[in-house]
PDB file of N, CA and C in Angstrom:
ATOM      1  N   MET A   1      86.210  30.445   7.456  1.00  0.00           N
ATOM      2  CA  MET A   1      85.083  29.517   7.621  1.00  0.00           C
ATOM      3  C   MET A   1      83.923  29.869   6.705  1.00  0.00           C
ATOM      4  N   SER A   2      84.115  30.828   5.807  1.00  0.00           N
ATOM      5  CA  SER A   2      83.015  31.244   4.957  1.00  0.00           C
ATOM      6  C   SER A   2      82.822  30.289   3.771  1.00  0.00           C
ATOM      7  N   MET A   3      83.765  29.381   3.562  1.00  0.00           N
ATOM      8  CA  MET A   3      83.616  28.428   2.462  1.00  0.00           C
ATOM      9  C   MET A   3      82.430  27.513   2.743  1.00  0.00           C
ATOM     10  N   MET A   4      81.806  27.029   1.668  1.00  0.00           N
ATOM     11  CA  MET A   4      80.658  26.141   1.830  1.00  0.00           C
ATOM     12  C   MET A   4      81.139  24.760   2.210  1.00  0.00           C
ATOM     13  N   THR A   5      81.266  24.519   3.486  1.00  0.00           N
ATOM     14  CA  THR A   5      81.756  23.214   3.920  1.00  0.00           C
ATOM     15  C   THR A   5      80.711  22.452   4.723  1.00  0.00           C
ATOM     16  N   THR A   6      79.484  22.979   4.764  1.00  0.00           N
ATOM     17  CA  THR A   6      78.418  22.323   5.522  1.00  0.00           C
ATOM     18  C   THR A   6      77.400  21.717   4.573  1.00  0.00           C
ATOM     19  N   VAL A   7      76.976  20.503   4.893  1.00  0.00           N
ATOM     20  CA  VAL A   7      75.903  19.861   4.139  1.00  0.00           C
ATOM     21  C   VAL A   7      74.696  19.692   5.048  1.00  0.00           C
ATOM     22  N   LYS A   8      73.520  19.730   4.422  1.00  0.00           N
ATOM     23  CA  LYS A   8      72.264  19.499   5.131  1.00  0.00           C
ATOM     24  C   LYS A   8      71.834  18.072   4.807  1.00  0.00           C
ATOM     25  N   VAL A   9      71.543  17.313   5.841  1.00  0.00           N
ATOM     26  CA  VAL A   9      71.122  15.926   5.667  1.00  0.00           C
ATOM     27  C   VAL A   9      69.663  15.830   6.111  1.00  0.00           C
ATOM     28  N   SER A  10      68.778  15.564   5.151  1.00  0.00           N
ATOM     29  CA  SER A  10      67.343  15.469   5.451  1.00  0.00           C
ATOM     30  C   SER A  10      66.913  14.013   5.550  1.00  0.00           C
ATOM     31  N   ASN A  11      65.753  13.818   6.177  1.00  0.00           N
ATOM     32  CA  ASN A  11      65.147  12.488   6.315  1.00  0.00           C
ATOM     33  C   ASN A  11      66.028  11.533   7.120  1.00  0.00           C
ATOM     34  N   VAL A  12      66.671  12.073   8.152  1.00  0.00           N
ATOM     35  CA  VAL A  12      67.512  11.240   9.028  1.00  0.00           C
ATOM     36  C   VAL A  12      66.597  10.491  10.009  1.00  0.00           C
ATOM     37  N   SER A  13      66.808   9.214  10.125  1.00  0.00           N
ATOM     38  CA  SER A  13      66.018   8.384  11.044  1.00  0.00           C
ATOM     39  C   SER A  13      66.155   8.887  12.469  1.00  0.00           C
ATOM     40  N   LEU A  14      65.046   8.875  13.213  1.00  0.00           N
ATOM     41  CA  LEU A  14      65.095   9.243  14.630  1.00  0.00           C
ATOM     42  C   LEU A  14      65.958   8.252  15.411  1.00  0.00           C
ATOM     43  N   GLY A  15      66.143   7.059  14.837  1.00  0.00           N
ATOM     44  CA  GLY A  15      66.985   6.055  15.486  1.00  0.00           C
ATOM     45  C   GLY A  15      68.470   6.268  15.262  1.00  0.00           C
ATOM     46  N   ALA A  16      68.817   7.195  14.384  1.00  0.00           N
ATOM     47  CA  ALA A  16      70.239   7.448  14.098  1.00  0.00           C
ATOM     48  C   ALA A  16      70.826   8.377  15.163  1.00  0.00           C
ATOM     49  N   THR A  17      71.929   7.960  15.753  1.00  0.00           N
ATOM     50  CA  THR A  17      72.578   8.783  16.776  1.00  0.00           C
ATOM     51  C   THR A  17      73.617   9.691  16.127  1.00  0.00           C
ATOM     52  N   ASP A  18      74.109  10.664  16.890  1.00  0.00           N
ATOM     53  CA  ASP A  18      75.186  11.522  16.386  1.00  0.00           C
ATOM     54  C   ASP A  18      76.378  10.662  15.988  1.00  0.00           C
ATOM     55  N   ARG A  19      76.619   9.626  16.767  1.00  0.00           N
ATOM     56  CA  ARG A  19      77.745   8.744  16.467  1.00  0.00           C
ATOM     57  C   ARG A  19      77.554   8.038  15.119  1.00  0.00           C
ATOM     58  N   ASP A  20      76.315   7.569  14.862  1.00  0.00           N
ATOM     59  CA  ASP A  20      76.015   6.939  13.566  1.00  0.00           C
ATOM     60  C   ASP A  20      76.328   7.901  12.426  1.00  0.00           C
ATOM     61  N   LEU A  21      75.891   9.140  12.582  1.00  0.00           N
ATOM     62  CA  LEU A  21      76.093  10.149  11.541  1.00  0.00           C
ATOM     63  C   LEU A  21      77.567  10.461  11.346  1.00  0.00           C
ATOM     64  N   LYS A  22      78.281  10.606  12.458  1.00  0.00           N
ATOM     65  CA  LYS A  22      79.718  10.911  12.364  1.00  0.00           C
ATOM     66  C   LYS A  22      80.473   9.762  11.698  1.00  0.00           C
ATOM     67  N   GLU A  23      80.128   8.531  12.054  1.00  0.00           N
ATOM     68  CA  GLU A  23      80.785   7.377  11.438  1.00  0.00           C
ATOM     69  C   GLU A  23      80.486   7.322   9.947  1.00  0.00           C
ATOM     70  N   PHE A  24      79.238   7.579   9.575  1.00  0.00           N
ATOM     71  CA  PHE A  24      78.833   7.514   8.170  1.00  0.00           C
ATOM     72  C   PHE A  24      79.568   8.573   7.342  1.00  0.00           C
ATOM     73  N   PHE A  25      79.619   9.798   7.853  1.00  0.00           N
ATOM     74  CA  PHE A  25      80.215  10.892   7.083  1.00  0.00           C
ATOM     75  C   PHE A  25      81.720  11.044   7.271  1.00  0.00           C
ATOM     76  N   SER A  26      82.300  10.302   8.210  1.00  0.00           N
ATOM     77  CA  SER A  26      83.747  10.419   8.434  1.00  0.00           C
ATOM     78  C   SER A  26      84.540   9.942   7.222  1.00  0.00           C
ATOM     79  N   PHE A  27      83.911   9.103   6.376  1.00  0.00           N
ATOM     80  CA  PHE A  27      84.598   8.633   5.171  1.00  0.00           C
ATOM     81  C   PHE A  27      84.704   9.745   4.129  1.00  0.00           C
ATOM     82  N   SER A  28      83.862  10.769   4.243  1.00  0.00           N
ATOM     83  CA  SER A  28      83.887  11.883   3.288  1.00  0.00           C
ATOM     84  C   SER A  28      85.030  12.855   3.596  1.00  0.00           C
ATOM     85  N   GLY A  29      85.325  13.029   4.882  1.00  0.00           N
ATOM     86  CA  GLY A  29      86.369  13.972   5.270  1.00  0.00           C
ATOM     87  C   GLY A  29      86.337  14.231   6.763  1.00  0.00           C
ATOM     88  N   ASP A  30      87.212  15.120   7.215  1.00  0.00           N
ATOM     89  CA  ASP A  30      87.269  15.451   8.638  1.00  0.00           C
ATOM     90  C   ASP A  30      86.059  16.306   9.018  1.00  0.00           C
ATOM     91  N   ILE A  31      85.303  15.846   9.999  1.00  0.00           N
ATOM     92  CA  ILE A  31      84.108  16.567  10.449  1.00  0.00           C
ATOM     93  C   ILE A  31      84.496  17.538  11.562  1.00  0.00           C
ATOM     94  N   LEU A  32      84.134  18.796  11.376  1.00  0.00           N
ATOM     95  CA  LEU A  32      84.394  19.803  12.406  1.00  0.00           C
ATOM     96  C   LEU A  32      83.246  19.871  13.399  1.00  0.00           C
ATOM     97  N   TYR A  33      82.019  19.759  12.879  1.00  0.00           N
ATOM     98  CA  TYR A  33      80.866  19.963  13.758  1.00  0.00           C
ATOM     99  C   TYR A  33      79.642  19.258  13.191  1.00  0.00           C
ATOM    100  N   LEU A  34      78.807  18.756  14.085  1.00  0.00           N
ATOM    101  CA  LEU A  34      77.568  18.089  13.702  1.00  0.00           C
ATOM    102  C   LEU A  34      76.444  18.663  14.543  1.00  0.00           C
ATOM    103  N   GLU A  35      75.382  19.063  13.893  1.00  0.00           N
ATOM    104  CA  GLU A  35      74.211  19.574  14.614  1.00  0.00           C
ATOM    105  C   GLU A  35      72.982  18.858  14.097  1.00  0.00           C
ATOM    106  N   THR A  36      72.092  18.434  15.004  1.00  0.00           N
ATOM    107  CA  THR A  36      70.846  17.811  14.576  1.00  0.00           C
ATOM    108  C   THR A  36      69.665  18.664  15.043  1.00  0.00           C
ATOM    109  N   GLN A  37      68.616  18.664  14.250  1.00  0.00           N
ATOM    110  CA  GLN A  37      67.391  19.406  14.567  1.00  0.00           C
ATOM    111  C   GLN A  37      66.210  18.519  14.209  1.00  0.00           C
ATOM    112  N   SER A  38      65.058  18.741  14.882  1.00  0.00           N
ATOM    113  CA  SER A  38      63.894  17.936  14.523  1.00  0.00           C
ATOM    114  C   SER A  38      63.344  18.411  13.180  1.00  0.00           C
ATOM    115  N   GLU A  39      62.833  17.479  12.400  1.00  0.00           N
ATOM    116  CA  GLU A  39      62.279  17.795  11.075  1.00  0.00           C
ATOM    117  C   GLU A  39      60.781  17.485  11.059  1.00  0.00           C
ATOM    118  N   THR A  40      60.444  16.203  11.237  1.00  0.00           N
ATOM    119  CA  THR A  40      59.031  15.801  11.329  1.00  0.00           C
ATOM    120  C   THR A  40      58.910  14.823  12.492  1.00  0.00           C
ATOM    121  N   GLU A  41      57.711  14.263  12.662  1.00  0.00           N
ATOM    122  CA  GLU A  41      57.543  13.261  13.738  1.00  0.00           C
ATOM    123  C   GLU A  41      58.359  12.005  13.454  1.00  0.00           C
ATOM    124  N   ARG A  42      58.697  11.788  12.176  1.00  0.00           N
ATOM    125  CA  ARG A  42      59.386  10.558  11.809  1.00  0.00           C
ATOM    126  C   ARG A  42      60.855  10.742  11.432  1.00  0.00           C
ATOM    127  N   SER A  43      61.304  11.981  11.339  1.00  0.00           N
ATOM    128  CA  SER A  43      62.694  12.177  10.915  1.00  0.00           C
ATOM    129  C   SER A  43      63.291  13.443  11.511  1.00  0.00           C
ATOM    130  N   LYS A  44      64.611  13.563  11.391  1.00  0.00           N
ATOM    131  CA  LYS A  44      65.298  14.773  11.852  1.00  0.00           C
ATOM    132  C   LYS A  44      66.269  15.240  10.774  1.00  0.00           C
ATOM    133  N   LEU A  45      66.748  16.456  10.958  1.00  0.00           N
ATOM    134  CA  LEU A  45      67.731  17.059  10.056  1.00  0.00           C
ATOM    135  C   LEU A  45      69.088  17.014  10.722  1.00  0.00           C
ATOM    136  N   ALA A  46      70.126  16.932   9.916  1.00  0.00           N
ATOM    137  CA  ALA A  46      71.481  17.052  10.459  1.00  0.00           C
ATOM    138  C   ALA A  46      72.255  18.023   9.582  1.00  0.00           C
ATOM    139  N   TYR A  47      73.099  18.819  10.217  1.00  0.00           N
ATOM    140  CA  TYR A  47      74.019  19.685   9.485  1.00  0.00           C
ATOM    141  C   TYR A  47      75.417  19.206   9.841  1.00  0.00           C
ATOM    142  N   VAL A  48      76.166  18.825   8.806  1.00  0.00           N
ATOM    143  CA  VAL A  48      77.516  18.309   9.022  1.00  0.00           C
ATOM    144  C   VAL A  48      78.499  19.304   8.409  1.00  0.00           C
ATOM    145  N   THR A  49      79.373  19.853   9.251  1.00  0.00           N
ATOM    146  CA  THR A  49      80.367  20.819   8.773  1.00  0.00           C
ATOM    147  C   THR A  49      81.720  20.127   8.679  1.00  0.00           C
ATOM    148  N   PHE A  50      82.294  20.171   7.490  1.00  0.00           N
ATOM    149  CA  PHE A  50      83.581  19.529   7.230  1.00  0.00           C
ATOM    150  C   PHE A  50      84.717  20.540   7.294  1.00  0.00           C
ATOM    151  N   LYS A  51      85.917  20.019   7.466  1.00  0.00           N
ATOM    152  CA  LYS A  51      87.107  20.848   7.533  1.00  0.00           C
ATOM    153  C   LYS A  51      87.394  21.525   6.192  1.00  0.00           C
ATOM    154  N   ASP A  52      87.054  20.841   5.106  1.00  0.00           N
ATOM    155  CA  ASP A  52      87.310  21.431   3.789  1.00  0.00           C
ATOM    156  C   ASP A  52      86.168  21.137   2.818  1.00  0.00           C
ATOM    157  N   LEU A  53      86.185  21.860   1.705  1.00  0.00           N
ATOM    158  CA  LEU A  53      85.131  21.760   0.710  1.00  0.00           C
ATOM    159  C   LEU A  53      85.034  20.363   0.114  1.00  0.00           C
ATOM    160  N   GLN A  54      86.157  19.709  -0.062  1.00  0.00           N
ATOM    161  CA  GLN A  54      86.159  18.363  -0.644  1.00  0.00           C
ATOM    162  C   GLN A  54      85.319  17.403   0.194  1.00  0.00           C
ATOM    163  N   GLY A  55      85.398  17.533   1.519  1.00  0.00           N
ATOM    164  CA  GLY A  55      84.605  16.680   2.403  1.00  0.00           C
ATOM    165  C   GLY A  55      83.115  16.863   2.164  1.00  0.00           C
ATOM    166  N   ALA A  56      82.699  18.141   2.038  1.00  0.00           N
ATOM    167  CA  ALA A  56      81.284  18.439   1.806  1.00  0.00           C
ATOM    168  C   ALA A  56      80.844  17.929   0.440  1.00  0.00           C
ATOM    169  N   GLU A  57      81.682  18.142  -0.577  1.00  0.00           N
ATOM    170  CA  GLU A  57      81.326  17.692  -1.928  1.00  0.00           C
ATOM    171  C   GLU A  57      81.224  16.172  -1.999  1.00  0.00           C
ATOM    172  N   THR A  58      82.098  15.484  -1.277  1.00  0.00           N
ATOM    173  CA  THR A  58      82.048  14.022  -1.241  1.00  0.00           C
ATOM    174  C   THR A  58      80.790  13.552  -0.510  1.00  0.00           C
ATOM    175  N   ALA A  59      80.425  14.247   0.561  1.00  0.00           N
ATOM    176  CA  ALA A  59      79.229  13.878   1.333  1.00  0.00           C
ATOM    177  C   ALA A  59      77.968  13.974   0.485  1.00  0.00           C
ATOM    178  N   VAL A  60      77.895  14.996  -0.389  1.00  0.00           N
ATOM    179  CA  VAL A  60      76.722  15.174  -1.253  1.00  0.00           C
ATOM    180  C   VAL A  60      76.531  13.953  -2.166  1.00  0.00           C
ATOM    181  N   LEU A  61      77.639  13.325  -2.536  1.00  0.00           N
ATOM    182  CA  LEU A  61      77.561  12.129  -3.387  1.00  0.00           C
ATOM    183  C   LEU A  61      76.895  10.951  -2.670  1.00  0.00           C
ATOM    184  N   LEU A  62      76.809  11.023  -1.355  1.00  0.00           N
ATOM    185  CA  LEU A  62      76.203   9.940  -0.562  1.00  0.00           C
ATOM    186  C   LEU A  62      74.685  10.089  -0.453  1.00  0.00           C
ATOM    187  N   SER A  63      74.132  11.130  -1.069  1.00  0.00           N
ATOM    188  CA  SER A  63      72.682  11.326  -1.036  1.00  0.00           C
ATOM    189  C   SER A  63      71.995  10.082  -1.585  1.00  0.00           C
ATOM    190  N   GLY A  64      70.951   9.636  -0.876  1.00  0.00           N
ATOM    191  CA  GLY A  64      70.249   8.423  -1.292  1.00  0.00           C
ATOM    192  C   GLY A  64      70.703   7.195  -0.533  1.00  0.00           C
ATOM    193  N   ALA A  65      71.826   7.313   0.173  1.00  0.00           N
ATOM    194  CA  ALA A  65      72.311   6.185   0.970  1.00  0.00           C
ATOM    195  C   ALA A  65      71.453   6.022   2.222  1.00  0.00           C
ATOM    196  N   THR A  66      71.535   4.853   2.820  1.00  0.00           N
ATOM    197  CA  THR A  66      70.733   4.575   4.008  1.00  0.00           C
ATOM    198  C   THR A  66      71.576   4.684   5.269  1.00  0.00           C
ATOM    199  N   ILE A  67      71.077   5.459   6.230  1.00  0.00           N
ATOM    200  CA  ILE A  67      71.682   5.517   7.563  1.00  0.00           C
ATOM    201  C   ILE A  67      70.645   4.928   8.511  1.00  0.00           C
ATOM    202  N   VAL A  68      71.017   3.873   9.217  1.00  0.00           N
ATOM    203  CA  VAL A  68      70.128   3.091  10.080  1.00  0.00           C
ATOM    204  C   VAL A  68      68.991   2.524   9.231  1.00  0.00           C
ATOM    205  N   ASP A  69      67.855   3.219   9.136  1.00  0.00           N
ATOM    206  CA  ASP A  69      66.742   2.657   8.361  1.00  0.00           C
ATOM    207  C   ASP A  69      66.062   3.682   7.466  1.00  0.00           C
ATOM    208  N   SER A  70      66.744   4.789   7.174  1.00  0.00           N
ATOM    209  CA  SER A  70      66.162   5.816   6.307  1.00  0.00           C
ATOM    210  C   SER A  70      67.137   6.214   5.206  1.00  0.00           C
ATOM    211  N   SER A  71      66.590   6.425   4.019  1.00  0.00           N
ATOM    212  CA  SER A  71      67.385   6.920   2.904  1.00  0.00           C
ATOM    213  C   SER A  71      67.494   8.438   3.060  1.00  0.00           C
ATOM    214  N   VAL A  72      68.711   8.951   3.163  1.00  0.00           N
ATOM    215  CA  VAL A  72      68.909  10.371   3.454  1.00  0.00           C
ATOM    216  C   VAL A  72      69.136  11.193   2.188  1.00  0.00           C
ATOM    217  N   ILE A  73      68.813  12.474   2.284  1.00  0.00           N
ATOM    218  CA  ILE A  73      69.033  13.420   1.189  1.00  0.00           C
ATOM    219  C   ILE A  73      70.114  14.385   1.652  1.00  0.00           C
ATOM    220  N   VAL A  74      71.224  14.443   0.910  1.00  0.00           N
ATOM    221  CA  VAL A  74      72.352  15.299   1.303  1.00  0.00           C
ATOM    222  C   VAL A  74      72.520  16.414   0.278  1.00  0.00           C
ATOM    223  N   THR A  75      72.450  17.654   0.746  1.00  0.00           N
ATOM    224  CA  THR A  75      72.618  18.810  -0.134  1.00  0.00           C
ATOM    225  C   THR A  75      73.562  19.822   0.512  1.00  0.00           C
ATOM    226  N   MET A  76      74.160  20.676  -0.300  1.00  0.00           N
ATOM    227  CA  MET A  76      74.996  21.751   0.245  1.00  0.00           C
ATOM    228  C   MET A  76      74.120  22.696   1.062  1.00  0.00           C
ATOM    229  N   ALA A  77      74.682  23.254   2.123  1.00  0.00           N
ATOM    230  CA  ALA A  77      73.941  24.191   2.977  1.00  0.00           C
ATOM    231  C   ALA A  77      74.688  25.527   3.034  1.00  0.00           C
ATOM    232  N   PRO A  78      74.633  26.302   1.940  1.00  0.00           N
ATOM    233  CA  PRO A  78      75.411  27.544   1.875  1.00  0.00           C
ATOM    234  C   PRO A  78      74.997  28.596   2.898  1.00  0.00           C
ATOM    235  N   ASP A  79      73.740  28.547   3.355  1.00  0.00           N
ATOM    236  CA  ASP A  79      73.266  29.573   4.290  1.00  0.00           C
ATOM    237  C   ASP A  79      73.428  29.174   5.747  1.00  0.00           C
ATOM    238  N   TYR A  80      73.959  27.984   5.982  1.00  0.00           N
ATOM    239  CA  TYR A  80      74.099  27.500   7.361  1.00  0.00           C
ATOM    240  C   TYR A  80      75.097  28.344   8.135  1.00  0.00           C
ATOM    241  N   GLN A  81      74.714  28.715   9.351  1.00  0.00           N
ATOM    242  CA  GLN A  81      75.606  29.476  10.237  1.00  0.00           C
ATOM    243  C   GLN A  81      75.889  28.631  11.477  1.00  0.00           C
ATOM    244  N   LEU A  82      77.152  28.469  11.786  1.00  0.00           N
ATOM    245  CA  LEU A  82      77.487  27.773  13.031  1.00  0.00           C
ATOM    246  C   LEU A  82      77.056  28.627  14.210  1.00  0.00           C
ATOM    247  N   SER A  83      76.560  27.989  15.256  1.00  0.00           N
ATOM    248  CA  SER A  83      76.156  28.716  16.457  1.00  0.00           C
ATOM    249  C   SER A  83      77.398  29.253  17.161  1.00  0.00           C
ATOM    250  N   PRO A  84      77.242  30.277  18.000  1.00  0.00           N
ATOM    251  CA  PRO A  84      78.392  30.800  18.757  1.00  0.00           C
ATOM    252  C   PRO A  84      79.088  29.722  19.595  1.00  0.00           C
ATOM    253  N   GLU A  85      78.283  28.790  20.145  1.00  0.00           N
ATOM    254  CA  GLU A  85      78.868  27.698  20.938  1.00  0.00           C
ATOM    255  C   GLU A  85      79.743  26.812  20.059  1.00  0.00           C
ATOM    256  N   ALA A  86      79.245  26.529  18.844  1.00  0.00           N
ATOM    257  CA  ALA A  86      80.001  25.682  17.916  1.00  0.00           C
ATOM    258  C   ALA A  86      81.304  26.370  17.518  1.00  0.00           C
ATOM    259  N   LEU A  87      81.217  27.651  17.202  1.00  0.00           N
ATOM    260  CA  LEU A  87      82.413  28.400  16.815  1.00  0.00           C
ATOM    261  C   LEU A  87      83.423  28.411  17.958  1.00  0.00           C
ATOM    262  N   ALA A  88      82.934  28.624  19.172  1.00  0.00           N
ATOM    263  CA  ALA A  88      83.828  28.650  20.338  1.00  0.00           C
ATOM    264  C   ALA A  88      84.512  27.299  20.526  1.00  0.00           C
ATOM    265  N   SER A  89      83.758  26.218  20.369  1.00  0.00           N
ATOM    266  CA  SER A  89      84.365  24.893  20.550  1.00  0.00           C
ATOM    267  C   SER A  89      85.380  24.609  19.453  1.00  0.00           C
ATOM    268  N   LEU A  90      85.122  25.102  18.240  1.00  0.00           N
ATOM    269  CA  LEU A  90      86.072  24.906  17.144  1.00  0.00           C
ATOM    270  C   LEU A  90      87.361  25.680  17.393  1.00  0.00           C
ATOM    271  N   VAL A  91      87.225  26.886  17.904  1.00  0.00           N
ATOM    272  CA  VAL A  91      88.413  27.699  18.201  1.00  0.00           C
ATOM    273  C   VAL A  91      89.251  27.009  19.269  1.00  0.00           C
ATOM    274  N   ILE A  92      88.600  26.518  20.307  1.00  0.00           N
ATOM    275  CA  ILE A  92      89.314  25.827  21.392  1.00  0.00           C
ATOM    276  C   ILE A  92      89.987  24.572  20.856  1.00  0.00           C
ATOM    277  N   THR A  93      89.260  23.794  20.044  1.00  0.00           N
ATOM    278  CA  THR A  93      89.814  22.565  19.469  1.00  0.00           C
ATOM    279  C   THR A  93      91.032  22.868  18.613  1.00  0.00           C
ATOM    280  N   SER A  94      90.938  23.910  17.770  1.00  0.00           N
ATOM    281  CA  SER A  94      92.063  24.215  16.893  1.00  0.00           C
ATOM    282  C   SER A  94      93.260  24.730  17.694  1.00  0.00           C
ATOM    283  N   LEU A  95      93.010  25.418  18.786  1.00  0.00           N
ATOM    284  CA  LEU A  95      94.110  25.882  19.642  1.00  0.00           C
ATOM    285  C   LEU A  95      94.848  24.684  20.240  1.00  0.00           C
ATOM    286  N   PHE A  96      94.051  23.730  20.759  1.00  0.00           N
ATOM    287  CA  PHE A  96      94.689  22.558  21.365  1.00  0.00           C
ATOM    288  C   PHE A  96      95.436  21.732  20.329  1.00  0.00           C
ATOM    289  N   SER A  97      94.843  21.547  19.144  1.00  0.00           N
ATOM    290  CA  SER A  97      95.500  20.717  18.143  1.00  0.00           C
ATOM    291  C   SER A  97      96.772  21.384  17.606  1.00  0.00           C
ATOM    292  N   SER A  98      96.801  22.724  17.564  1.00  0.00           N
ATOM    293  CA  SER A  98      97.996  23.394  17.062  1.00  0.00           C
ATOM    294  C   SER A  98      99.141  23.327  18.077  1.00  0.00           C
ATOM    295  N   HIS A  99      98.795  23.156  19.365  1.00  0.00           N
ATOM    296  CA  HIS A  99      99.846  23.058  20.388  1.00  0.00           C
ATOM    297  C   HIS A  99     100.429  21.656  20.477  1.00  0.00           C
ATOM    298  N   ARG A 100      99.717  20.683  19.918  1.00  0.00           N
ATOM    299  CA  ARG A 100     100.186  19.296  20.017  1.00  0.00           C
ATOM    300  C   ARG A 100     101.293  18.974  19.034  1.00  0.00           C
ATOM    301  N   HIS A 101     101.442  19.768  17.984  1.00  0.00           N
ATOM    302  CA  HIS A 101     102.434  19.439  16.937  1.00  0.00           C
ATOM    303  C   HIS A 101     103.855  19.711  17.396  1.00  0.00           C
TER     304      HIS A 101
END
């Protein structure tokens, strides 16, 4: 998981839901995890972690696109660390998906 697969999305509209973000970025690749944080009174930040580097690189190309009513800025987030809760949920998810095959 040390590969740079997370992008930072700035200037996200407060009206954009996690679902909006997941739908928007799902075209870039498989999303492993999405985290949102407050940025300013008018916008929030999102960190989108993809399954592979290609997903993150494709997402960066979407910088400048509009989600709901704000033009977002998408950049690589090399220093982003998944929270312990996120890591635990990913481990559980991968365990379940590997048993389904």
